[in-house]
Amino acid sequence: MCFKKIFGLAATVIVLAGAAQGVTLKIATLAPDGTSWMKVMGAMNQEVQAATNGSVKFKFYPGGVAGDEHDVLRKMRVGQLHGGGFTGVGLGEILPKIRALEVPFLYRNYAEVDYVRGALEDGFTADLADKGYVLLGWAEVGFVHIFANAPVRTVEDLRKVKMWMWEGDPLAEAFFKAFDINPTPLQITDVLTSLQTGLIDAIYTSPYAAVGLQWFTRVKYMMDSPFTDAIGAVVVTKKQFDKIPPEYQDKVLEICRRYTATLNAQTREDQKTAVERMQKEGIEVVHVDQAQIAKWEKVGEKARDELVGKLYDQATLDSVLGALQEYRTQHASQ
């Protein structure tokens, strides 16, 4: 037998052995174990394994055990992990212009969020693929509110608190700069301790995350008007995804996108439940009137414009604003 045939046979044996062992996608997330996020991901993993005859499975690392999102991305680049459940901060490190979906004081309801994201989804999916990543599905954080130990209704109120900022987040940095605020930059894992010690006394997050991370136990007030919608998604490296047998790849994507859609719906319900729970435990929801919201929106416009050329280009921002205006025009009578 010639060398080429021997080499080819050996390569075939290696490929078949790999297929027999199956493909594992190692996914890290900040979502704590036991949350709806992890429960839905667990169910998704079971269906993927069943649909691929055990050829594909997920292994999850919840609760930040693999580090912050910056750490997860670094580990993905060297192959220690294959993917993550990311917020906009992690997604923005891969594809900065995707943060245009999160510009402050933009959306009025989730219907607008869904329409705008749907309008830009194909383009962002292709852009992520060009970067070497596969979008398994959107898994949003949801509407983000300001929590503090003093009522925050006005821009002036915000300047009086000791605000936290997610370290390394250019969108949050531009937002607070537009408000003439100098926040304290910290990683997610340091926030609770910093609230306990008094280093900070104000945070921004979704109600469900505030409960899941126990941050709400160290604040007294929640601003009722959200200032942004925080995106999220499950993303894996194309290198690892391509190891999935070709006959299963489309099926895996279909299952993942179906479950992440379910997760988004569940997350929105969990937000309502979280607010109810926090109110029962003493959190006061602070109402912001329309006149003040108009002032917040004006500063939000300043922040989004300042990020053009730094985080996203004008064309991407125009696409977001254009899709939003299109939706509002279509539903003007509602």
C-alpha atoms as a PDB file:
ATOM      1  CA  MET A   1       0.000   0.000   0.000  1.00  0.00           C
ATOM      2  CA  CYS A   2       1.431   3.408  -0.980  1.00  0.00           C
ATOM      3  CA  PHE A   3       2.147   6.160   1.536  1.00  0.00           C
ATOM      4  CA  LYS A   4      -0.719   8.375   0.287  1.00  0.00           C
ATOM      5  CA  LYS A   5      -3.247   5.582   0.796  1.00  0.00           C
ATOM      6  CA  ILE A   6      -1.914   4.831   4.272  1.00  0.00           C
ATOM      7  CA  PHE A   7      -2.023   8.518   5.178  1.00  0.00           C
ATOM      8  CA  GLY A   8      -5.551   8.870   3.790  1.00  0.00           C
ATOM      9  CA  LEU A   9      -6.753   5.811   5.726  1.00  0.00           C
ATOM     10  CA  ALA A  10      -5.221   7.150   8.934  1.00  0.00           C
ATOM     11  CA  ALA A  11      -6.906  10.525   8.431  1.00  0.00           C
ATOM     12  CA  THR A  12     -10.250   8.813   7.864  1.00  0.00           C
ATOM     13  CA  VAL A  13      -9.850   6.800  11.065  1.00  0.00           C
ATOM     14  CA  ILE A  14      -9.076   9.985  13.015  1.00  0.00           C
ATOM     15  CA  VAL A  15     -12.159  11.774  11.634  1.00  0.00           C
ATOM     16  CA  LEU A  16     -14.418   8.782  12.386  1.00  0.00           C
ATOM     17  CA  ALA A  17     -12.999   8.508  15.884  1.00  0.00           C
ATOM     18  CA  GLY A  18     -13.697  12.194  16.474  1.00  0.00           C
ATOM     19  CA  ALA A  19     -17.262  11.775  15.239  1.00  0.00           C
ATOM     20  CA  ALA A  20     -17.762   8.795  17.539  1.00  0.00           C
ATOM     21  CA  GLN A  21     -16.559  10.834  20.499  1.00  0.00           C
ATOM     22  CA  GLY A  22     -18.902  13.655  19.610  1.00  0.00           C
ATOM     23  CA  VAL A  23     -18.509  17.412  19.678  1.00  0.00           C
ATOM     24  CA  THR A  24     -18.783  19.340  22.943  1.00  0.00           C
ATOM     25  CA  LEU A  25     -19.419  23.078  22.941  1.00  0.00           C
ATOM     26  CA  LYS A  26     -18.060  24.593  26.160  1.00  0.00           C
ATOM     27  CA  ILE A  27     -20.120  27.697  26.948  1.00  0.00           C
ATOM     28  CA  ALA A  28     -19.536  30.170  29.797  1.00  0.00           C
ATOM     29  CA  THR A  29     -21.990  32.738  31.114  1.00  0.00           C
ATOM     30  CA  LEU A  30     -22.440  35.200  33.950  1.00  0.00           C
ATOM     31  CA  ALA A  31     -25.976  33.880  34.500  1.00  0.00           C
ATOM     32  CA  PRO A  32     -26.142  32.138  37.886  1.00  0.00           C
ATOM     33  CA  ASP A  33     -26.999  28.462  38.103  1.00  0.00           C
ATOM     34  CA  GLY A  34     -30.673  27.823  38.801  1.00  0.00           C
ATOM     35  CA  THR A  35     -31.915  30.837  36.831  1.00  0.00           C
ATOM     36  CA  SER A  36     -34.314  30.645  33.908  1.00  0.00           C
ATOM     37  CA  TRP A  37     -31.331  31.173  31.609  1.00  0.00           C
ATOM     38  CA  MET A  38     -29.618  28.010  32.792  1.00  0.00           C
ATOM     39  CA  LYS A  39     -32.829  25.977  32.932  1.00  0.00           C
ATOM     40  CA  VAL A  40     -33.657  26.800  29.303  1.00  0.00           C
ATOM     41  CA  MET A  41     -30.081  26.110  28.237  1.00  0.00           C
ATOM     42  CA  GLY A  42     -30.229  22.739  29.988  1.00  0.00           C
ATOM     43  CA  ALA A  43     -33.406  21.804  28.110  1.00  0.00           C
ATOM     44  CA  MET A  44     -31.810  22.972  24.853  1.00  0.00           C
ATOM     45  CA  ASN A  45     -28.799  20.773  25.505  1.00  0.00           C
ATOM     46  CA  GLN A  46     -31.013  17.733  26.002  1.00  0.00           C
ATOM     47  CA  GLU A  47     -32.856  18.297  22.731  1.00  0.00           C
ATOM     48  CA  VAL A  48     -29.625  18.889  20.811  1.00  0.00           C
ATOM     49  CA  GLN A  49     -28.185  15.628  22.112  1.00  0.00           C
ATOM     50  CA  ALA A  50     -31.355  13.735  21.212  1.00  0.00           C
ATOM     51  CA  ALA A  51     -31.562  15.276  17.735  1.00  0.00           C
ATOM     52  CA  THR A  52     -27.919  14.486  16.937  1.00  0.00           C
ATOM     53  CA  ASN A  53     -27.854  10.985  18.429  1.00  0.00           C
ATOM     54  CA  GLY A  54     -25.408  12.188  21.046  1.00  0.00           C
ATOM     55  CA  SER A  55     -22.977  13.639  18.508  1.00  0.00           C
ATOM     56  CA  VAL A  56     -23.318  17.185  19.851  1.00  0.00           C
ATOM     57  CA  LYS A  57     -23.657  18.420  23.402  1.00  0.00           C
ATOM     58  CA  PHE A  58     -23.120  21.545  25.472  1.00  0.00           C
ATOM     59  CA  LYS A  59     -21.166  21.972  28.685  1.00  0.00           C
ATOM     60  CA  PHE A  60     -22.054  25.133  30.568  1.00  0.00           C
ATOM     61  CA  TYR A  61     -19.994  27.147  33.039  1.00  0.00           C
ATOM     62  CA  PRO A  62     -22.495  29.437  34.820  1.00  0.00           C
ATOM     63  CA  GLY A  63     -22.207  32.194  37.392  1.00  0.00           C
ATOM     64  CA  GLY A  64     -18.997  33.743  36.123  1.00  0.00           C
ATOM     65  CA  VAL A  65     -16.845  30.754  37.171  1.00  0.00           C
ATOM     66  CA  ALA A  66     -14.882  31.171  33.931  1.00  0.00           C
ATOM     67  CA  GLY A  67     -14.364  34.875  34.604  1.00  0.00           C
ATOM     68  CA  ASP A  68     -15.852  38.063  33.217  1.00  0.00           C
ATOM     69  CA  GLU A  69     -16.824  38.312  29.554  1.00  0.00           C
ATOM     70  CA  HIS A  70     -13.401  39.634  28.621  1.00  0.00           C
ATOM     71  CA  ASP A  71     -11.862  36.528  30.240  1.00  0.00           C
ATOM     72  CA  VAL A  72     -14.289  34.242  28.403  1.00  0.00           C
ATOM     73  CA  LEU A  73     -13.381  35.755  25.041  1.00  0.00           C
ATOM     74  CA  ARG A  74      -9.688  35.373  25.782  1.00  0.00           C
ATOM     75  CA  LYS A  75     -10.234  31.701  26.636  1.00  0.00           C
ATOM     76  CA  MET A  76     -12.245  31.239  23.445  1.00  0.00           C
ATOM     77  CA  ARG A  77      -9.373  32.603  21.390  1.00  0.00           C
ATOM     78  CA  VAL A  78      -6.998  29.978  22.773  1.00  0.00           C
ATOM     79  CA  GLY A  79      -9.545  27.162  22.627  1.00  0.00           C
ATOM     80  CA  GLN A  80     -10.126  26.668  26.365  1.00  0.00           C
ATOM     81  CA  LEU A  81     -13.770  27.625  25.818  1.00  0.00           C
ATOM     82  CA  HIS A  82     -15.835  27.553  22.653  1.00  0.00           C
ATOM     83  CA  GLY A  83     -18.514  30.130  23.333  1.00  0.00           C
ATOM     84  CA  GLY A  84     -20.382  32.308  25.748  1.00  0.00           C
ATOM     85  CA  GLY A  85     -23.702  33.742  26.702  1.00  0.00           C
ATOM     86  CA  PHE A  86     -22.715  37.364  26.288  1.00  0.00           C
ATOM     87  CA  THR A  87     -24.198  40.728  27.089  1.00  0.00           C
ATOM     88  CA  GLY A  88     -23.564  43.661  24.781  1.00  0.00           C
ATOM     89  CA  VAL A  89     -20.184  44.210  26.434  1.00  0.00           C
ATOM     90  CA  GLY A  90     -18.812  40.880  25.244  1.00  0.00           C
ATOM     91  CA  LEU A  91     -20.568  41.055  21.880  1.00  0.00           C
ATOM     92  CA  GLY A  92     -19.169  44.535  21.378  1.00  0.00           C
ATOM     93  CA  GLU A  93     -15.640  43.277  21.925  1.00  0.00           C
ATOM     94  CA  ILE A  94     -16.187  40.912  18.991  1.00  0.00           C
ATOM     95  CA  LEU A  95     -18.211  43.297  16.815  1.00  0.00           C
ATOM     96  CA  PRO A  96     -18.240  46.877  18.172  1.00  0.00           C
ATOM     97  CA  LYS A  97     -20.993  48.187  15.867  1.00  0.00           C
ATOM     98  CA  ILE A  98     -23.533  45.739  17.307  1.00  0.00           C
ATOM     99  CA  ARG A  99     -23.719  48.086  20.312  1.00  0.00           C
ATOM    100  CA  ALA A 100     -25.765  50.468  18.154  1.00  0.00           C
ATOM    101  CA  LEU A 101     -28.703  48.289  19.214  1.00  0.00           C
ATOM    102  CA  GLU A 102     -28.176  49.480  22.801  1.00  0.00           C
ATOM    103  CA  VAL A 103     -27.921  53.237  22.440  1.00  0.00           C
ATOM    104  CA  PRO A 104     -29.567  54.960  25.437  1.00  0.00           C
ATOM    105  CA  PHE A 105     -33.143  56.203  25.625  1.00  0.00           C
ATOM    106  CA  LEU A 106     -34.169  54.742  22.285  1.00  0.00           C
ATOM    107  CA  TYR A 107     -36.928  52.159  22.772  1.00  0.00           C
ATOM    108  CA  ARG A 108     -40.372  52.597  24.303  1.00  0.00           C
ATOM    109  CA  ASN A 109     -41.380  48.938  24.418  1.00  0.00           C
ATOM    110  CA  TYR A 110     -40.244  45.440  23.505  1.00  0.00           C
ATOM    111  CA  ALA A 111     -42.162  45.457  20.224  1.00  0.00           C
ATOM    112  CA  GLU A 112     -39.792  48.179  19.026  1.00  0.00           C
ATOM    113  CA  VAL A 113     -36.797  46.189  20.275  1.00  0.00           C
ATOM    114  CA  ASP A 114     -37.902  43.095  18.365  1.00  0.00           C
ATOM    115  CA  TYR A 115     -38.553  44.997  15.148  1.00  0.00           C
ATOM    116  CA  VAL A 116     -35.217  46.811  15.087  1.00  0.00           C
ATOM    117  CA  ARG A 117     -33.192  43.754  16.005  1.00  0.00           C
ATOM    118  CA  GLY A 118     -35.040  41.678  13.419  1.00  0.00           C
ATOM    119  CA  ALA A 119     -34.334  44.269  10.736  1.00  0.00           C
ATOM    120  CA  LEU A 120     -30.575  44.171  11.395  1.00  0.00           C
ATOM    121  CA  GLU A 121     -30.165  40.528  12.415  1.00  0.00           C
ATOM    122  CA  ASP A 122     -29.016  39.093   9.074  1.00  0.00           C
ATOM    123  CA  GLY A 123     -26.344  41.735   8.696  1.00  0.00           C
ATOM    124  CA  PHE A 124     -24.971  41.250  12.207  1.00  0.00           C
ATOM    125  CA  THR A 125     -25.034  37.453  11.815  1.00  0.00           C
ATOM    126  CA  ALA A 126     -22.943  37.755   8.650  1.00  0.00           C
ATOM    127  CA  ASP A 127     -20.563  40.214  10.318  1.00  0.00           C
ATOM    128  CA  LEU A 128     -20.035  37.836  13.245  1.00  0.00           C
ATOM    129  CA  ALA A 129     -19.351  34.994  10.803  1.00  0.00           C
ATOM    130  CA  ASP A 130     -16.709  37.142   9.117  1.00  0.00           C
ATOM    131  CA  LYS A 131     -15.071  37.519  12.530  1.00  0.00           C
ATOM    132  CA  GLY A 132     -15.057  33.752  13.037  1.00  0.00           C
ATOM    133  CA  TYR A 133     -18.136  33.355  15.233  1.00  0.00           C
ATOM    134  CA  VAL A 134     -21.541  31.699  14.887  1.00  0.00           C
ATOM    135  CA  LEU A 135     -24.628  33.338  16.403  1.00  0.00           C
ATOM    136  CA  LEU A 136     -26.659  30.544  18.004  1.00  0.00           C
ATOM    137  CA  GLY A 137     -29.391  32.934  19.086  1.00  0.00           C
ATOM    138  CA  TRP A 138     -30.245  36.187  20.829  1.00  0.00           C
ATOM    139  CA  ALA A 139     -30.574  35.905  24.605  1.00  0.00           C
ATOM    140  CA  GLU A 140     -31.279  39.414  25.768  1.00  0.00           C
ATOM    141  CA  VAL A 141     -30.734  40.935  29.186  1.00  0.00           C
ATOM    142  CA  GLY A 142     -33.720  43.238  28.679  1.00  0.00           C
ATOM    143  CA  PHE A 143     -34.595  46.744  29.776  1.00  0.00           C
ATOM    144  CA  VAL A 144     -32.004  48.220  32.119  1.00  0.00           C
ATOM    145  CA  HIS A 145     -32.886  50.512  35.027  1.00  0.00           C
ATOM    146  CA  ILE A 146     -30.908  52.631  37.446  1.00  0.00           C
ATOM    147  CA  PHE A 147     -30.893  51.399  41.062  1.00  0.00           C
ATOM    148  CA  ALA A 148     -29.556  53.588  43.863  1.00  0.00           C
ATOM    149  CA  ASN A 149     -29.677  54.341  47.562  1.00  0.00           C
ATOM    150  CA  ALA A 150     -31.281  57.705  46.825  1.00  0.00           C
ATOM    151  CA  PRO A 151     -34.176  58.468  44.465  1.00  0.00           C
ATOM    152  CA  VAL A 152     -33.024  59.221  40.897  1.00  0.00           C
ATOM    153  CA  ARG A 153     -35.553  61.159  38.816  1.00  0.00           C
ATOM    154  CA  THR A 154     -33.460  63.844  37.158  1.00  0.00           C
ATOM    155  CA  VAL A 155     -30.071  64.184  35.535  1.00  0.00           C
ATOM    156  CA  GLU A 156     -29.032  66.250  38.559  1.00  0.00           C
ATOM    157  CA  ASP A 157     -30.008  63.371  40.881  1.00  0.00           C
ATOM    158  CA  LEU A 158     -27.774  61.015  38.913  1.00  0.00           C
ATOM    159  CA  ARG A 159     -24.788  63.322  39.375  1.00  0.00           C
ATOM    160  CA  LYS A 160     -25.144  63.084  43.168  1.00  0.00           C
ATOM    161  CA  VAL A 161     -24.794  59.299  43.512  1.00  0.00           C
ATOM    162  CA  LYS A 162     -21.685  57.123  43.431  1.00  0.00           C
ATOM    163  CA  MET A 163     -22.392  55.333  40.166  1.00  0.00           C
ATOM    164  CA  TRP A 164     -20.841  52.090  39.020  1.00  0.00           C
ATOM    165  CA  MET A 165     -19.726  51.497  35.424  1.00  0.00           C
ATOM    166  CA  TRP A 166     -18.833  48.139  33.874  1.00  0.00           C
ATOM    167  CA  GLU A 167     -15.087  48.419  33.404  1.00  0.00           C
ATOM    168  CA  GLY A 168     -14.100  48.423  29.749  1.00  0.00           C
ATOM    169  CA  ASP A 169     -17.576  49.241  28.401  1.00  0.00           C
ATOM    170  CA  PRO A 170     -17.215  52.087  25.864  1.00  0.00           C
ATOM    171  CA  LEU A 171     -20.990  52.550  25.519  1.00  0.00           C
ATOM    172  CA  ALA A 172     -21.470  53.112  29.255  1.00  0.00           C
ATOM    173  CA  GLU A 173     -18.409  55.357  29.307  1.00  0.00           C
ATOM    174  CA  ALA A 174     -19.872  57.580  26.570  1.00  0.00           C
ATOM    175  CA  PHE A 175     -23.258  57.601  28.293  1.00  0.00           C
ATOM    176  CA  PHE A 176     -21.885  58.827  31.605  1.00  0.00           C
ATOM    177  CA  LYS A 177     -19.532  61.262  29.901  1.00  0.00           C
ATOM    178  CA  ALA A 178     -22.535  62.847  28.200  1.00  0.00           C
ATOM    179  CA  PHE A 179     -24.054  63.299  31.666  1.00  0.00           C
ATOM    180  CA  ASP A 180     -20.815  64.783  33.070  1.00  0.00           C
ATOM    181  CA  ILE A 181     -20.550  61.887  35.528  1.00  0.00           C
ATOM    182  CA  ASN A 182     -17.380  60.140  36.687  1.00  0.00           C
ATOM    183  CA  PRO A 183     -18.482  56.589  37.563  1.00  0.00           C
ATOM    184  CA  THR A 184     -16.403  53.964  39.337  1.00  0.00           C
ATOM    185  CA  PRO A 185     -15.306  51.296  36.829  1.00  0.00           C
ATOM    186  CA  LEU A 186     -15.551  47.763  38.200  1.00  0.00           C
ATOM    187  CA  GLN A 187     -15.926  44.252  36.874  1.00  0.00           C
ATOM    188  CA  ILE A 188     -19.266  42.509  37.423  1.00  0.00           C
ATOM    189  CA  THR A 189     -17.766  40.235  40.060  1.00  0.00           C
ATOM    190  CA  ASP A 190     -16.759  43.240  42.225  1.00  0.00           C
ATOM    191  CA  VAL A 191     -20.100  45.068  42.242  1.00  0.00           C
ATOM    192  CA  LEU A 192     -21.816  43.409  45.216  1.00  0.00           C
ATOM    193  CA  THR A 193     -18.796  43.828  47.479  1.00  0.00           C
ATOM    194  CA  SER A 194     -18.442  47.461  46.398  1.00  0.00           C
ATOM    195  CA  LEU A 195     -22.089  48.109  47.258  1.00  0.00           C
ATOM    196  CA  GLN A 196     -21.548  46.516  50.655  1.00  0.00           C
ATOM    197  CA  THR A 197     -18.491  48.657  51.414  1.00  0.00           C
ATOM    198  CA  GLY A 198     -20.022  51.880  50.098  1.00  0.00           C
ATOM    199  CA  LEU A 199     -17.512  52.350  47.284  1.00  0.00           C
ATOM    200  CA  ILE A 200     -20.571  52.731  45.045  1.00  0.00           C
ATOM    201  CA  ASP A 201     -24.231  53.291  45.877  1.00  0.00           C
ATOM    202  CA  ALA A 202     -25.828  53.209  42.417  1.00  0.00           C
ATOM    203  CA  ILE A 203     -25.894  50.611  39.650  1.00  0.00           C
ATOM    204  CA  TYR A 204     -27.606  49.931  36.331  1.00  0.00           C
ATOM    205  CA  THR A 205     -28.966  46.530  35.384  1.00  0.00           C
ATOM    206  CA  SER A 206     -32.163  44.687  34.573  1.00  0.00           C
ATOM    207  CA  PRO A 207     -34.536  43.858  37.443  1.00  0.00           C
ATOM    208  CA  TYR A 208     -34.069  40.121  36.924  1.00  0.00           C
ATOM    209  CA  ALA A 209     -30.283  40.451  36.992  1.00  0.00           C
ATOM    210  CA  ALA A 210     -30.499  42.638  40.096  1.00  0.00           C
ATOM    211  CA  VAL A 211     -32.297  39.799  41.866  1.00  0.00           C
ATOM    212  CA  GLY A 212     -30.154  36.998  40.429  1.00  0.00           C
ATOM    213  CA  LEU A 213     -26.913  38.750  41.393  1.00  0.00           C
ATOM    214  CA  GLN A 214     -28.375  39.896  44.741  1.00  0.00           C
ATOM    215  CA  TRP A 215     -27.456  43.510  44.027  1.00  0.00           C
ATOM    216  CA  PHE A 216     -30.970  44.648  44.943  1.00  0.00           C
ATOM    217  CA  THR A 217     -30.264  43.787  48.607  1.00  0.00           C
ATOM    218  CA  ARG A 218     -27.898  46.764  48.777  1.00  0.00           C
ATOM    219  CA  VAL A 219     -30.024  49.484  47.157  1.00  0.00           C
ATOM    220  CA  LYS A 220     -33.342  51.123  48.013  1.00  0.00           C
ATOM    221  CA  TYR A 221     -34.728  52.673  44.824  1.00  0.00           C
ATOM    222  CA  MET A 222     -35.312  51.749  41.192  1.00  0.00           C
ATOM    223  CA  MET A 223     -35.929  54.325  38.459  1.00  0.00           C
ATOM    224  CA  ASP A 224     -39.095  53.195  36.643  1.00  0.00           C
ATOM    225  CA  SER A 225     -38.060  54.456  33.199  1.00  0.00           C
ATOM    226  CA  PRO A 226     -35.419  52.188  31.570  1.00  0.00           C
ATOM    227  CA  PHE A 227     -32.507  53.926  29.903  1.00  0.00           C
ATOM    228  CA  THR A 228     -31.571  51.173  27.465  1.00  0.00           C
ATOM    229  CA  ASP A 229     -32.356  47.674  26.291  1.00  0.00           C
ATOM    230  CA  ALA A 230     -29.389  45.398  26.893  1.00  0.00           C
ATOM    231  CA  ILE A 231     -28.774  42.886  24.153  1.00  0.00           C
ATOM    232  CA  GLY A 232     -27.406  39.418  24.710  1.00  0.00           C
ATOM    233  CA  ALA A 233     -26.604  36.392  22.602  1.00  0.00           C
ATOM    234  CA  VAL A 234     -25.102  32.929  22.647  1.00  0.00           C
ATOM    235  CA  VAL A 235     -22.077  32.873  20.363  1.00  0.00           C
ATOM    236  CA  VAL A 236     -19.581  30.099  19.585  1.00  0.00           C
ATOM    237  CA  THR A 237     -16.402  29.994  17.571  1.00  0.00           C
ATOM    238  CA  LYS A 238     -16.856  28.934  13.971  1.00  0.00           C
ATOM    239  CA  LYS A 239     -13.845  26.666  14.386  1.00  0.00           C
ATOM    240  CA  GLN A 240     -15.652  24.541  16.965  1.00  0.00           C
ATOM    241  CA  PHE A 241     -19.051  24.763  15.304  1.00  0.00           C
ATOM    242  CA  ASP A 242     -17.563  23.456  12.063  1.00  0.00           C
ATOM    243  CA  LYS A 243     -16.592  20.271  13.914  1.00  0.00           C
ATOM    244  CA  ILE A 244     -20.284  19.405  14.169  1.00  0.00           C
ATOM    245  CA  PRO A 245     -21.145  16.855  11.465  1.00  0.00           C
ATOM    246  CA  PRO A 246     -22.545  18.800   8.487  1.00  0.00           C
ATOM    247  CA  GLU A 247     -25.819  16.886   8.546  1.00  0.00           C
ATOM    248  CA  TYR A 248     -26.502  18.201  12.064  1.00  0.00           C
ATOM    249  CA  GLN A 249     -25.404  21.843  11.808  1.00  0.00           C
ATOM    250  CA  ASP A 250     -28.689  23.312  10.568  1.00  0.00           C
ATOM    251  CA  LYS A 251     -30.628  21.270  13.124  1.00  0.00           C
ATOM    252  CA  VAL A 252     -28.457  22.491  15.972  1.00  0.00           C
ATOM    253  CA  LEU A 253     -28.967  26.095  14.844  1.00  0.00           C
ATOM    254  CA  GLU A 254     -32.723  25.606  14.584  1.00  0.00           C
ATOM    255  CA  ILE A 255     -32.942  24.164  18.095  1.00  0.00           C
ATOM    256  CA  CYS A 256     -30.719  26.853  19.609  1.00  0.00           C
ATOM    257  CA  ARG A 257     -32.642  29.711  18.017  1.00  0.00           C
ATOM    258  CA  ARG A 258     -35.960  28.234  19.096  1.00  0.00           C
ATOM    259  CA  TYR A 259     -34.817  27.895  22.700  1.00  0.00           C
ATOM    260  CA  THR A 260     -33.238  31.348  22.855  1.00  0.00           C
ATOM    261  CA  ALA A 261     -36.513  32.819  21.558  1.00  0.00           C
ATOM    262  CA  THR A 262     -38.279  30.997  24.373  1.00  0.00           C
ATOM    263  CA  LEU A 263     -35.676  32.313  26.789  1.00  0.00           C
ATOM    264  CA  ASN A 264     -36.273  35.909  25.697  1.00  0.00           C
ATOM    265  CA  ALA A 265     -40.000  35.551  26.310  1.00  0.00           C
ATOM    266  CA  GLN A 266     -39.318  33.997  29.720  1.00  0.00           C
ATOM    267  CA  THR A 267     -36.807  36.711  30.590  1.00  0.00           C
ATOM    268  CA  ARG A 268     -39.399  39.403  29.974  1.00  0.00           C
ATOM    269  CA  GLU A 269     -41.819  37.664  32.313  1.00  0.00           C
ATOM    270  CA  ASP A 270     -39.060  37.229  34.872  1.00  0.00           C
ATOM    271  CA  GLN A 271     -38.414  40.985  34.776  1.00  0.00           C
ATOM    272  CA  LYS A 272     -41.984  41.644  35.937  1.00  0.00           C
ATOM    273  CA  THR A 273     -41.744  39.024  38.669  1.00  0.00           C
ATOM    274  CA  ALA A 274     -38.410  40.450  39.810  1.00  0.00           C
ATOM    275  CA  VAL A 275     -39.854  43.947  40.204  1.00  0.00           C
ATOM    276  CA  GLU A 276     -42.750  42.559  42.233  1.00  0.00           C
ATOM    277  CA  ARG A 277     -40.371  40.654  44.486  1.00  0.00           C
ATOM    278  CA  MET A 278     -38.120  43.669  45.038  1.00  0.00           C
ATOM    279  CA  GLN A 279     -41.077  45.859  45.917  1.00  0.00           C
ATOM    280  CA  LYS A 280     -42.239  43.306  48.488  1.00  0.00           C
ATOM    281  CA  GLU A 281     -38.763  43.402  49.998  1.00  0.00           C
ATOM    282  CA  GLY A 282     -38.685  47.171  50.259  1.00  0.00           C
ATOM    283  CA  ILE A 283     -37.412  48.529  46.957  1.00  0.00           C
ATOM    284  CA  GLU A 284     -39.267  51.724  46.004  1.00  0.00           C
ATOM    285  CA  VAL A 285     -39.966  52.288  42.309  1.00  0.00           C
ATOM    286  CA  VAL A 286     -39.343  55.951  41.496  1.00  0.00           C
ATOM    287  CA  HIS A 287     -41.563  57.493  38.824  1.00  0.00           C
ATOM    288  CA  VAL A 288     -39.982  59.807  36.234  1.00  0.00           C
ATOM    289  CA  ASP A 289     -42.395  62.210  34.543  1.00  0.00           C
ATOM    290  CA  GLN A 290     -42.464  62.902  30.818  1.00  0.00           C
ATOM    291  CA  ALA A 291     -40.749  66.283  31.103  1.00  0.00           C
ATOM    292  CA  GLN A 292     -37.734  64.683  32.783  1.00  0.00           C
ATOM    293  CA  ILE A 293     -37.711  61.771  30.318  1.00  0.00           C
ATOM    294  CA  ALA A 294     -37.393  64.320  27.493  1.00  0.00           C
ATOM    295  CA  LYS A 295     -34.259  65.677  29.182  1.00  0.00           C
ATOM    296  CA  TRP A 296     -32.813  62.184  29.601  1.00  0.00           C
ATOM    297  CA  GLU A 297     -33.511  61.452  25.924  1.00  0.00           C
ATOM    298  CA  LYS A 298     -31.723  64.612  24.838  1.00  0.00           C
ATOM    299  CA  VAL A 299     -28.567  63.591  26.676  1.00  0.00           C
ATOM    300  CA  GLY A 300     -28.976  60.071  25.279  1.00  0.00           C
ATOM    301  CA  GLU A 301     -28.906  61.511  21.746  1.00  0.00           C
ATOM    302  CA  LYS A 302     -25.669  63.296  22.585  1.00  0.00           C
ATOM    303  CA  ALA A 303     -24.111  60.053  23.817  1.00  0.00           C
ATOM    304  CA  ARG A 304     -25.152  58.050  20.741  1.00  0.00           C
ATOM    305  CA  ASP A 305     -23.828  60.717  18.362  1.00  0.00           C
ATOM    306  CA  GLU A 306     -20.477  60.881  20.146  1.00  0.00           C
ATOM    307  CA  LEU A 307     -19.955  57.154  19.539  1.00  0.00           C
ATOM    308  CA  VAL A 308     -20.171  57.439  15.764  1.00  0.00           C
ATOM    309  CA  GLY A 309     -16.752  56.600  14.381  1.00  0.00           C
ATOM    310  CA  LYS A 310     -15.661  55.154  17.737  1.00  0.00           C
ATOM    311  CA  LEU A 311     -17.989  52.214  18.359  1.00  0.00           C
ATOM    312  CA  TYR A 312     -20.135  52.099  15.234  1.00  0.00           C
ATOM    313  CA  ASP A 313     -20.366  53.949  11.947  1.00  0.00           C
ATOM    314  CA  GLN A 314     -23.043  56.412  10.935  1.00  0.00           C
ATOM    315  CA  ALA A 315     -24.593  53.916   8.514  1.00  0.00           C
ATOM    316  CA  THR A 316     -25.199  51.375  11.298  1.00  0.00           C
ATOM    317  CA  LEU A 317     -26.735  53.983  13.597  1.00  0.00           C
ATOM    318  CA  ASP A 318     -28.889  55.235  10.718  1.00  0.00           C
ATOM    319  CA  SER A 319     -30.082  51.667  10.104  1.00  0.00           C
ATOM    320  CA  VAL A 320     -31.139  51.328  13.740  1.00  0.00           C
ATOM    321  CA  LEU A 321     -32.883  54.696  13.807  1.00  0.00           C
ATOM    322  CA  GLY A 322     -34.442  54.069  10.400  1.00  0.00           C
ATOM    323  CA  ALA A 323     -35.891  50.708  11.440  1.00  0.00           C
ATOM    324  CA  LEU A 324     -37.270  52.256  14.616  1.00  0.00           C
ATOM    325  CA  GLN A 325     -38.906  55.102  12.703  1.00  0.00           C
ATOM    326  CA  GLU A 326     -40.338  52.605  10.222  1.00  0.00           C
ATOM    327  CA  TYR A 327     -41.949  50.663  13.031  1.00  0.00           C
ATOM    328  CA  ARG A 328     -43.377  53.784  14.675  1.00  0.00           C
ATOM    329  CA  THR A 329     -44.793  54.999  11.373  1.00  0.00           C
ATOM    330  CA  GLN A 330     -46.488  51.653  10.773  1.00  0.00           C
ATOM    331  CA  HIS A 331     -47.995  51.676  14.267  1.00  0.00           C
ATOM    332  CA  ALA A 332     -48.725  55.382  14.624  1.00  0.00           C
ATOM    333  CA  SER A 333     -52.459  54.796  15.082  1.00  0.00           C
ATOM    334  CA  GLN A 334     -52.019  52.243  17.850  1.00  0.00           C
END
